[in-house]
Every structure is written in C-alpha cells, then in structure tokens.
C-alpha cells in the first residue's frame, strides 16, 4: 500500500517536473526541474524492484545536471542563468515534429508483430541487467567516477572568479556588498 502511494507520487512528480522544464523561465530552473523529474523516475524504478537501474538513473542524472550547472556558471555566470528566457524555440515546428513522431511510433508499436518470449528470465533480473549493462567496464567506471567529481569541483572553482566571500567579506556581513562586476546583485 505504501509502495503504491509512493510510486504514484513519484510518477506525478516526474511528469509535473518534466513539464516544468518547458514552463519555467530560466536555464537554472529548467535544470533543477529536469533533475527533479529524473530523480522521481529513479524512485519509481526503485519501487519496481529494479534497484541497480534505479540507482544508476538517479546517480547519472544528478551528475549530468551537475555538469550542466557547472557549464552554466562557467559560461554564463549565475545571474544570466537565472534571467527569464523562453525554453521553447520554434513552437509550431516542434509541435508538428513531435505529433508526427508520436503518430509514427504509435503506428509502429501497433503494427509490429511482437515476438513471444523464449526461455525463462534469470533468477536475479537486476544482477543480470547490471552485468549486461556494465560487465567488464565496472572497474573503469569505479576509477573514472572520482575523476569526474574532481573535474566538476575544479570546474566550479575555476568558473567562479568571485564568490559570496569576495562580495560580502569573510564573515558575510559587508553591506553593501562589493560587487566587482557591474550589473550584478550590488549594481
């Protein structure tokens, strides 16, 4: 009963946050909405007893959104990333293309003669799926993961040429803040 309620909450959050990506008015908010949507999808997958896939979805999507945030800060600064902007471009063409794609995929699903299952599923479906996805690449992923985290942290440190400590002082109490870049919060 509790798992059913959590599943439906995660499903609603995933869809609502996915829709919010196209409704919010800044790149940063769209990034956070997309991360929320993927985390909710990962929770739903976990509730389907696919622990490996659920954890991988959550970890990969959170890391992907972290990289996206790093690039936003690095190339735009945080103020432009929060400025209002349209997240949808070419609305008429995108609606036409998405409707045609949906119709094509739906027709394919309904017209294909799907094969019957042969054999039986393995005893531990999650372990079999994990071995099929990662197999001999697991050692490489274990080594690459800390390097990726260090790269993200280094990118953020290098991208922020100033921080709240530069603007507000070591105790964060300097008023008004000293903003070396005109047009920022201190104007």
Foldseek 3Di string as FASTA:
>chain_A
DVLVVLLVVLVVLLVVLCVVLQVDFFQLSSLVSNLRNQLSVLSNVVSVVLPVVSVCSNVVSVLVSLVVVLVCCQPPNPVRRNDGDGPDDPVVVVVVVVVVVVVVVVVVVVPDDDDDDDDDADPDNNVVVVCVVQPPNPVVCVVVVVVSVVVSVVSNVVRPPDDCCQFQNPVNNDPPTDDPDPPPPSD
